[in-house]
Protein backbone atom coordinates (compact mmCIF):
# COMPACT_ATOMS: atom_id res chain seq x y z
CA VAL A 1 34.21 -19.53 -8.05
CA LEU A 2 33.54 -15.64 -8.61
CA TYR A 3 32.37 -15.97 -5.11
CA LEU A 4 35.31 -17.72 -3.89
CA CYS A 5 37.50 -15.36 -5.89
CA MET A 6 35.65 -12.18 -4.20
CA ILE A 7 36.25 -14.10 -0.47
CA TRP A 8 39.91 -14.58 -1.01
CA SER A 9 40.72 -11.24 -2.53
CA SER A 10 38.66 -9.50 0.00
CA LYS A 11 41.08 -8.12 2.65
CA PRO A 12 39.45 -6.72 5.70
CA SER A 13 41.25 -3.03 6.78
CA LYS A 14 40.94 -0.60 9.62
CA GLU A 15 39.86 1.83 7.02
CA GLN A 16 36.47 2.29 6.17
CA GLY A 17 34.94 0.92 3.37
CA ILE A 18 31.82 1.78 1.70
CA ASP A 19 29.20 3.01 4.25
CA LEU A 20 26.39 0.66 3.47
CA ARG A 21 24.74 0.18 6.98
CA TYR A 22 21.19 1.48 5.87
CA PRO A 23 20.93 -0.08 2.10
CA MET A 24 22.47 -3.51 4.20
CA ALA A 25 19.54 -2.58 6.65
CA ILE A 26 16.83 -2.75 4.18
CA TRP A 27 18.13 -5.68 2.44
CA ASN A 28 17.88 -7.67 5.86
CA ILE A 29 14.47 -6.25 6.21
CA ILE A 30 13.67 -7.80 2.49
CA LEU A 31 14.89 -11.10 3.42
CA SER A 32 12.96 -11.11 6.59
CA LEU A 33 9.92 -10.68 5.29
CA PHE A 34 10.73 -12.70 2.67
CA SER A 35 11.58 -15.63 5.18
CA ILE A 36 8.46 -14.40 7.24
CA ILE A 37 6.19 -15.16 4.12
CA GLY A 38 8.11 -18.73 3.34
CA VAL A 39 7.27 -19.79 7.25
CA ILE A 40 3.65 -18.97 6.80
CA THR A 41 3.33 -20.63 3.41
CA THR A 42 5.61 -24.28 4.38
CA VAL A 43 5.24 -24.55 8.33
CA PRO A 44 1.55 -24.82 8.73
CA TYR A 45 1.59 -27.41 5.68
CA LEU A 46 4.17 -29.65 7.05
CA TYR A 47 2.50 -29.21 10.76
CA GLU A 48 -0.60 -30.49 9.02
CA HIS A 49 0.75 -33.32 7.48
CA LEU A 50 3.44 -34.17 10.60
CA PHE A 51 0.00 -34.48 12.99
CA ASN A 52 -1.85 -36.09 10.81
CA ARG A 53 0.26 -38.88 9.36
CA GLY A 54 3.43 -39.03 11.59
CA LEU A 55 7.05 -38.29 11.54
CA LEU A 56 7.80 -40.76 8.83
CA TYR A 57 5.39 -39.87 6.60
CA SER A 58 6.89 -36.28 6.96
CA VAL A 59 10.28 -37.24 6.36
CA CYS A 60 10.31 -40.33 3.94
CA GLU A 61 7.18 -39.73 1.87
CA PRO A 62 7.56 -38.66 -1.94
CA PRO A 63 7.08 -35.17 -2.67
CA ALA A 64 5.29 -35.96 -5.28
CA ASN A 65 3.08 -37.55 -3.10
CA TRP A 66 2.31 -34.74 -1.15
CA TRP A 67 4.21 -30.91 -1.22
CA TRP A 68 6.31 -31.45 -4.58
CA ASN A 69 2.94 -29.64 -6.65
CA THR A 70 1.40 -27.28 -4.08
CA HIS A 71 1.95 -23.59 -2.96
CA ALA A 72 4.43 -24.81 -0.16
CA GLY A 73 6.32 -26.84 -2.60
CA GLN A 74 6.71 -23.67 -4.69
CA TRP A 75 7.99 -22.09 -1.87
CA VAL A 76 10.82 -25.10 -1.52
CA GLY A 77 11.97 -24.24 -5.03
CA ILE A 78 12.03 -20.16 -4.39
CA PHE A 79 14.02 -21.22 -1.34
CA ALA A 80 16.78 -23.25 -3.11
CA LEU A 81 16.78 -20.47 -5.62
CA SER A 82 16.83 -17.86 -2.86
CA LYS A 83 20.60 -19.23 -1.56
CA ILE A 84 21.81 -17.01 -4.69
CA ILE A 85 20.48 -14.33 -3.94
CA GLU A 86 21.53 -14.66 0.04
CA LEU A 87 25.23 -14.55 -1.33
CA MET A 88 24.91 -10.58 -1.38
CA ASP A 89 25.31 -10.76 2.30
CA THR A 90 29.01 -11.58 1.63
CA VAL A 91 29.31 -8.68 -1.01
CA PHE A 92 28.06 -6.40 1.62
CA LEU A 93 30.75 -7.29 4.24
CA SER A 94 33.47 -7.24 1.10
CA LEU A 95 32.60 -3.57 -0.11
CA GLN A 96 32.49 -2.43 3.79
CA ARG A 97 36.13 -3.98 4.11
CA LYS A 98 35.21 -6.08 7.11
CA PRO A 99 36.13 -9.36 8.19
CA ILE A 100 34.56 -12.61 6.23
CA ARG A 101 34.65 -15.37 8.69
CA PHE A 102 34.79 -19.03 7.65
CA LEU A 103 31.79 -19.59 9.06
CA HIS A 104 29.84 -17.30 6.86
CA TRP A 105 31.23 -17.98 3.70
CA TYR A 106 31.46 -21.97 4.05
CA HIS A 107 27.66 -21.96 5.53
CA HIS A 108 26.79 -19.52 2.56
CA ILE A 109 28.09 -21.92 -0.58
CA SER A 110 27.61 -25.41 1.17
CA VAL A 111 23.97 -24.78 1.95
CA MET A 112 23.54 -23.36 -1.63
CA LEU A 113 25.14 -26.34 -3.54
CA PHE A 114 23.11 -28.99 -0.79
CA CYS A 115 19.74 -27.01 -1.69
CA TRP A 116 20.34 -27.38 -5.62
CA PHE A 117 21.06 -30.92 -5.49
CA ALA A 118 18.86 -31.71 -2.72
CA TYR A 119 15.94 -30.31 -4.56
CA LEU A 120 16.55 -31.45 -7.88
CA ALA A 121 16.63 -35.16 -6.72
CA GLN A 122 13.22 -34.04 -4.73
CA THR A 123 14.89 -34.82 -1.48
CA SER A 124 12.10 -35.96 0.87
CA THR A 125 13.17 -34.11 4.05
CA GLY A 126 13.12 -31.12 1.55
CA LEU A 127 10.32 -29.24 3.52
CA TRP A 128 11.53 -29.81 7.03
CA PHE A 129 14.95 -28.61 5.87
CA THR A 130 13.04 -25.17 4.10
CA SER A 131 10.70 -24.96 7.35
CA MET A 132 13.78 -24.75 9.85
CA ASN A 133 15.56 -22.34 7.67
CA PHE A 134 12.45 -19.97 6.84
CA VAL A 135 11.94 -19.74 10.74
CA VAL A 136 16.10 -19.18 11.54
CA HIS A 137 16.07 -16.71 8.81
CA SER A 138 12.68 -14.28 9.43
CA ILE A 139 14.30 -13.97 12.79
CA MET A 140 18.12 -13.32 12.34
CA TYR A 141 17.81 -10.90 9.15
CA PHE A 142 15.17 -8.87 11.17
CA TYR A 143 18.00 -8.75 14.17
CA TYR A 144 20.25 -7.74 11.58
CA ALA A 145 18.20 -5.16 10.02
CA PHE A 146 17.73 -3.34 13.35
CA MET A 147 20.99 -3.65 14.24
CA GLY A 148 21.79 -1.55 11.09
CA PHE A 149 19.42 1.21 11.80
CA GLY A 150 20.95 1.57 15.43
CA PHE A 151 18.19 -0.03 17.76
CA LYS A 152 21.06 -1.59 19.62
CA TRP A 153 18.86 -2.87 22.51
CA ILE A 154 17.98 -5.94 20.39
CA LYS A 155 21.61 -7.25 20.40
CA SER A 156 20.15 -8.76 23.84
CA ILE A 157 18.71 -11.75 21.41
CA ALA A 158 21.48 -12.48 19.66
CA ILE A 159 22.27 -15.05 21.78
CA TRP A 160 18.98 -16.85 21.49
CA ILE A 161 19.43 -16.23 17.59
CA THR A 162 22.66 -18.44 18.01
CA VAL A 163 21.01 -21.03 20.13
CA LEU A 164 18.02 -21.17 17.50
CA GLN A 165 20.74 -21.78 14.83
CA ILE A 166 22.47 -24.86 16.75
CA LEU A 167 18.75 -26.14 17.38
CA GLN A 168 18.55 -26.07 13.73
CA MET A 169 21.93 -27.95 12.80
CA ILE A 170 20.82 -30.58 15.71
CA VAL A 171 17.48 -31.69 14.61
CA GLY A 172 18.75 -31.51 10.58
CA SER A 173 21.24 -33.82 11.65
CA ILE A 174 18.63 -36.06 13.13
CA LEU A 175 16.52 -35.71 10.48
CA THR A 176 19.13 -36.85 8.11
CA ALA A 177 20.09 -39.88 10.13
CA LEU A 178 16.57 -40.91 10.73
CA SER A 179 15.83 -40.71 6.83
CA THR A 180 19.28 -42.26 6.07
CA TYR A 181 18.33 -45.23 8.65
CA TRP A 182 14.55 -45.30 7.18
CA TYR A 183 16.01 -45.78 3.62
CA PHE A 184 17.77 -48.71 4.31
CA THR A 185 15.16 -50.61 6.74
CA HIS A 186 12.34 -49.70 5.12
CA LYS A 187 13.34 -51.26 1.55
CA ASN A 188 14.18 -47.93 0.63
CA SER A 189 10.60 -46.74 0.97
CA CYS A 190 12.56 -43.05 1.90
CA HIS A 191 12.82 -40.74 -0.76
CA VAL A 192 16.86 -40.09 -0.36
CA GLN A 193 19.78 -40.35 -2.19
CA PRO A 194 23.07 -41.95 -0.23
CA PRO A 195 25.22 -39.43 -1.86
CA ILE A 196 22.93 -36.39 -0.77
CA GLN A 197 22.37 -38.16 2.63
CA VAL A 198 26.16 -38.32 3.16
CA SER A 199 26.73 -34.64 2.11
CA GLY A 200 23.73 -33.53 4.12
CA ILE A 201 25.44 -35.28 7.88
CA ILE A 202 28.32 -33.65 6.99
CA MET A 203 26.96 -30.18 6.32
CA TYR A 204 24.70 -30.23 9.19
CA LEU A 205 27.65 -31.93 11.85
CA SER A 206 29.97 -29.26 10.51
CA TYR A 207 27.82 -26.13 10.86
CA LEU A 208 26.73 -27.68 14.44
CA VAL A 209 30.15 -27.47 15.35
CA LEU A 210 31.30 -24.48 14.15
CA PHE A 211 28.07 -22.31 15.45
CA ALA A 212 28.78 -23.95 18.81
CA GLN A 213 32.44 -23.19 18.56
CA PHE A 214 30.88 -19.55 17.77
CA PHE A 215 28.61 -19.58 20.85
CA ILE A 216 31.24 -20.17 22.98
CA THR A 217 33.95 -17.92 21.76
CA SER A 218 30.90 -15.06 21.42
CA TYR A 219 29.26 -15.65 24.83
CA LEU A 220 30.81 -18.03 27.08
CA LYS A 221 34.80 -16.63 27.21
CA GLY A 222 33.13 -13.16 26.00
CA SER A 223 30.98 -12.97 29.13
CA LYS A 224 33.94 -14.90 31.49
CA LYS A 225 36.19 -12.09 30.26
CA LYS A 226 33.71 -9.30 31.49
CA ARG A 227 33.28 -10.96 34.69
CA THR A 228 36.85 -11.11 35.16
CA SER A 229 37.38 -7.55 33.99
CA LYS A 230 34.77 -6.08 36.40
CA HIS A 231 36.73 -8.34 39.37
CA ASP A 232 39.85 -6.69 38.46
């Protein structure tokens, strides 16, 4: 509630707010390093079981049977809690009087709530979602940090970060759909709960639409305008 109140009361202004470029850059480095540790901890463990036991096992097997009580499982829990800390991204924007896009705050608050409920329910796809997010965030926050320190040359990879985010939403949608299908066709052998599956499908598909829209607006239409202005 406090988060939403902050968003609704935050008014972007042409006047410069508090200059937090460097504190925000340092903040982004911390989040990037945190995500890199998450990648190192979760991705190899997921890959090992995916390779040795197959996709159905990695998507449907109850977490208690493989990752829940492991170091990787601990990082899934840490990941869920970290979504509270990531709300600081919005605080930085608000203090600098920068516009807070719908995609930004909707993504932050919805993924936080979904992660909490999915973790408490020991949703079997949890390690997949955590690993993917760690990979994307390790690169994304690294990019934000370098931009904050004024290294403009790194801006060229922005489009590829958005592509990676879109791919994450596609894979997330597919895995949620597959686990739902297997839940109903394999006599409830997939350790998921229908309410969480429904919210997961809605979440991932809405993200996919929003990130695709952002990609078109930021890169395709933007590039078209630049080409037009050059011809003019």
